[in-house]
Every structure is written in C-alpha cells, then in structure tokens.
Amino acid sequence: MNQHPSDPSDSHLNGNNGSGQKTPPSTPPMPAPPTSPSPEAEQAKQERLRATQQSFKRLYLILLAVGLSIGAVLAVGVAILLDRFGLSDPPSRCDRNSIGCFQNAPPET
C-alpha cells in the first residue's frame, strides 16, 4: 500500500517507465476516414427507412382507431348513465310552497 512513487512495480498506474521518467500518455487511435457507402448498402438503408416509416404509420393509425373507439364507447356509456339518473332531463318548475324551492325566490308575475 505505501509504495514509493518511483517504484517500478506500479509503473502502469503512475505513468513511470521504470527509469523514473514519465511516459507520454497514449493517444487514442485515429478513426478511419469515412468512406462512401456502396449503392447496394444505400438502397438497403432506404428500404429499411421506408419499412420503418410504414410500420410507424400503421401503428399511429391503429392507436388512433383504438382511441376513438374507446372514446365513443365511454361517451355512449356516460350518456346512458346521465339518462338513467335523470340528469339529462330539463329542470322542473318549482311551486312556491314546495320544499326544495328557494325561499327568497322572486315572486312570480
């Protein structure tokens, strides 16, 4: 654990080459220059792109249809529930003496 910094046994950790001199840091290899793809590879890439676009278009249309169907079913269900509980009926006219009418309602003319 407590080794001297110039100890050659750990030269790979501290950059020493064993003689007490620092080794220059290694540079990463240069990437190969880009080459133009062959026409066959370019055509295959275009075909994959078209196939992917078609797949996403189909998925979008399916999700749209499913969403519209679920929305329609829910709307019909809500309309049926509103009708069943009488919430879609017009309000009834109040008699001044009935319970549930406002006590300080304006007089009828």
C-alpha atoms as a PDB file:
ATOM      1  CA  MET A   1       0.000   0.000   0.000  1.00  0.00           C
ATOM      2  CA  ASN A   2       2.701   2.517   0.964  1.00  0.00           C
ATOM      3  CA  GLN A   3       4.973   2.356  -2.060  1.00  0.00           C
ATOM      4  CA  HIS A   4       7.356   4.994  -3.249  1.00  0.00           C
ATOM      5  CA  PRO A   5       6.074   6.916  -6.317  1.00  0.00           C
ATOM      6  CA  SER A   6       9.074   5.889  -8.385  1.00  0.00           C
ATOM      7  CA  ASP A   7       8.632   2.182  -7.593  1.00  0.00           C
ATOM      8  CA  PRO A   8       8.660   0.383 -10.970  1.00  0.00           C
ATOM      9  CA  SER A   9       6.189  -2.267  -9.802  1.00  0.00           C
ATOM     10  CA  ASP A  10       3.286   0.135 -10.248  1.00  0.00           C
ATOM     11  CA  SER A  11       4.541   1.944 -13.322  1.00  0.00           C
ATOM     12  CA  HIS A  12       1.337   1.191 -15.180  1.00  0.00           C
ATOM     13  CA  LEU A  13      -0.584   3.205 -12.563  1.00  0.00           C
ATOM     14  CA  ASN A  14       1.527   6.328 -12.283  1.00  0.00           C
ATOM     15  CA  GLY A  15       2.980   6.652 -15.793  1.00  0.00           C
ATOM     16  CA  ASN A  16       6.569   5.763 -14.875  1.00  0.00           C
ATOM     17  CA  ASN A  17       8.543   3.615 -17.254  1.00  0.00           C
ATOM     18  CA  GLY A  18      10.784   2.183 -14.523  1.00  0.00           C
ATOM     19  CA  SER A  19      13.641   4.637 -15.008  1.00  0.00           C
ATOM     20  CA  GLY A  20      11.888   7.457 -13.171  1.00  0.00           C
ATOM     21  CA  GLN A  21      10.800   9.204 -16.349  1.00  0.00           C
ATOM     22  CA  LYS A  22       7.189   9.771 -17.201  1.00  0.00           C
ATOM     23  CA  THR A  23       5.877   8.037 -20.302  1.00  0.00           C
ATOM     24  CA  PRO A  24       3.817  10.141 -22.657  1.00  0.00           C
ATOM     25  CA  PRO A  25       0.095   9.441 -22.494  1.00  0.00           C
ATOM     26  CA  SER A  26      -1.072   7.170 -25.231  1.00  0.00           C
ATOM     27  CA  THR A  27      -3.256   8.788 -27.846  1.00  0.00           C
ATOM     28  CA  PRO A  28      -6.402   7.046 -28.986  1.00  0.00           C
ATOM     29  CA  PRO A  29      -6.218   5.585 -32.469  1.00  0.00           C
ATOM     30  CA  MET A  30      -7.492   7.823 -35.232  1.00  0.00           C
ATOM     31  CA  PRO A  31     -10.780   6.691 -36.741  1.00  0.00           C
ATOM     32  CA  ALA A  32     -10.688   5.598 -40.329  1.00  0.00           C
ATOM     33  CA  PRO A  33     -11.784   8.268 -42.779  1.00  0.00           C
ATOM     34  CA  PRO A  34     -15.422   7.905 -43.785  1.00  0.00           C
ATOM     35  CA  THR A  35     -15.950   6.053 -46.995  1.00  0.00           C
ATOM     36  CA  SER A  36     -18.899   6.470 -49.270  1.00  0.00           C
ATOM     37  CA  PRO A  37     -21.351   3.592 -48.874  1.00  0.00           C
ATOM     38  CA  SER A  38     -21.885   1.287 -51.771  1.00  0.00           C
ATOM     39  CA  PRO A  39     -25.068   1.734 -53.826  1.00  0.00           C
ATOM     40  CA  GLU A  40     -26.393  -1.594 -52.549  1.00  0.00           C
ATOM     41  CA  ALA A  41     -25.905  -0.520 -48.932  1.00  0.00           C
ATOM     42  CA  GLU A  42     -27.551   2.836 -49.629  1.00  0.00           C
ATOM     43  CA  GLN A  43     -30.506   1.122 -51.300  1.00  0.00           C
ATOM     44  CA  ALA A  44     -30.876  -1.313 -48.387  1.00  0.00           C
ATOM     45  CA  LYS A  45     -30.789   1.627 -45.974  1.00  0.00           C
ATOM     46  CA  GLN A  46     -33.537   3.412 -47.941  1.00  0.00           C
ATOM     47  CA  GLU A  47     -35.679   0.250 -47.952  1.00  0.00           C
ATOM     48  CA  ARG A  48     -35.295  -0.141 -44.183  1.00  0.00           C
ATOM     49  CA  LEU A  49     -36.207   3.519 -43.744  1.00  0.00           C
ATOM     50  CA  ARG A  50     -39.362   3.117 -45.856  1.00  0.00           C
ATOM     51  CA  ALA A  51     -40.325  -0.056 -43.977  1.00  0.00           C
ATOM     52  CA  THR A  52     -39.835   1.695 -40.636  1.00  0.00           C
ATOM     53  CA  GLN A  53     -41.929   4.666 -41.753  1.00  0.00           C
ATOM     54  CA  GLN A  54     -44.711   2.332 -42.897  1.00  0.00           C
ATOM     55  CA  SER A  55     -44.611   0.497 -39.563  1.00  0.00           C
ATOM     56  CA  PHE A  56     -44.898   3.736 -37.589  1.00  0.00           C
ATOM     57  CA  LYS A  57     -47.704   4.974 -39.841  1.00  0.00           C
ATOM     58  CA  ARG A  58     -49.618   1.717 -39.318  1.00  0.00           C
ATOM     59  CA  LEU A  59     -49.037   1.886 -35.541  1.00  0.00           C
ATOM     60  CA  TYR A  60     -50.256   5.501 -35.447  1.00  0.00           C
ATOM     61  CA  LEU A  61     -53.446   4.634 -37.336  1.00  0.00           C
ATOM     62  CA  ILE A  62     -54.125   1.622 -35.119  1.00  0.00           C
ATOM     63  CA  LEU A  63     -53.669   3.682 -31.954  1.00  0.00           C
ATOM     64  CA  LEU A  64     -55.888   6.418 -33.370  1.00  0.00           C
ATOM     65  CA  ALA A  65     -58.653   3.931 -34.196  1.00  0.00           C
ATOM     66  CA  VAL A  66     -58.419   2.282 -30.769  1.00  0.00           C
ATOM     67  CA  GLY A  67     -58.528   5.668 -29.011  1.00  0.00           C
ATOM     68  CA  LEU A  68     -61.534   6.833 -30.996  1.00  0.00           C
ATOM     69  CA  SER A  69     -63.349   3.543 -30.327  1.00  0.00           C
ATOM     70  CA  ILE A  70     -62.728   3.716 -26.591  1.00  0.00           C
ATOM     71  CA  GLY A  71     -63.838   7.361 -26.559  1.00  0.00           C
ATOM     72  CA  ALA A  72     -67.059   6.550 -28.403  1.00  0.00           C
ATOM     73  CA  VAL A  73     -67.908   3.681 -26.032  1.00  0.00           C
ATOM     74  CA  LEU A  74     -67.246   5.875 -22.994  1.00  0.00           C
ATOM     75  CA  ALA A  75     -69.346   8.727 -24.400  1.00  0.00           C
ATOM     76  CA  VAL A  76     -72.307   6.404 -25.001  1.00  0.00           C
ATOM     77  CA  GLY A  77     -71.894   4.949 -21.502  1.00  0.00           C
ATOM     78  CA  VAL A  78     -71.882   8.391 -19.893  1.00  0.00           C
ATOM     79  CA  ALA A  79     -74.965   9.428 -21.893  1.00  0.00           C
ATOM     80  CA  ILE A  80     -76.801   6.274 -20.760  1.00  0.00           C
ATOM     81  CA  LEU A  81     -75.848   6.899 -17.113  1.00  0.00           C
ATOM     82  CA  LEU A  82     -76.936  10.547 -17.291  1.00  0.00           C
ATOM     83  CA  ASP A  83     -80.280   9.462 -18.716  1.00  0.00           C
ATOM     84  CA  ARG A  84     -80.735   6.673 -16.163  1.00  0.00           C
ATOM     85  CA  PHE A  85     -80.191   9.022 -13.206  1.00  0.00           C
ATOM     86  CA  GLY A  86     -82.357  11.747 -14.727  1.00  0.00           C
ATOM     87  CA  LEU A  87     -79.524  14.215 -15.068  1.00  0.00           C
ATOM     88  CA  SER A  88     -80.307  14.938 -18.697  1.00  0.00           C
ATOM     89  CA  ASP A  89     -83.923  15.993 -18.045  1.00  0.00           C
ATOM     90  CA  PRO A  90     -84.766  19.699 -18.035  1.00  0.00           C
ATOM     91  CA  PRO A  91     -85.269  21.111 -14.542  1.00  0.00           C
ATOM     92  CA  SER A  92     -88.831  21.101 -13.280  1.00  0.00           C
ATOM     93  CA  ARG A  93     -90.615  24.295 -12.423  1.00  0.00           C
ATOM     94  CA  CYS A  94     -90.841  24.962  -8.659  1.00  0.00           C
ATOM     95  CA  ASP A  95     -94.079  25.658  -6.815  1.00  0.00           C
ATOM     96  CA  ARG A  96     -93.563  28.464  -4.302  1.00  0.00           C
ATOM     97  CA  ASN A  97     -94.850  26.307  -1.454  1.00  0.00           C
ATOM     98  CA  SER A  98     -92.872  23.154  -2.228  1.00  0.00           C
ATOM     99  CA  ILE A  99     -89.860  22.138  -0.154  1.00  0.00           C
ATOM    100  CA  GLY A 100     -86.695  22.387  -2.199  1.00  0.00           C
ATOM    101  CA  CYS A 101     -87.508  25.668  -3.887  1.00  0.00           C
ATOM    102  CA  PHE A 102     -85.632  28.730  -2.807  1.00  0.00           C
ATOM    103  CA  GLN A 103     -87.387  30.602  -0.024  1.00  0.00           C
ATOM    104  CA  ASN A 104     -86.296  34.011  -1.228  1.00  0.00           C
ATOM    105  CA  ALA A 105     -87.074  33.452  -4.889  1.00  0.00           C
ATOM    106  CA  PRO A 106     -88.536  36.444  -6.719  1.00  0.00           C
ATOM    107  CA  PRO A 107     -92.333  36.473  -6.858  1.00  0.00           C
ATOM    108  CA  GLU A 108     -93.952  35.102  -9.999  1.00  0.00           C
ATOM    109  CA  THR A 109     -95.862  37.570 -12.115  1.00  0.00           C
END
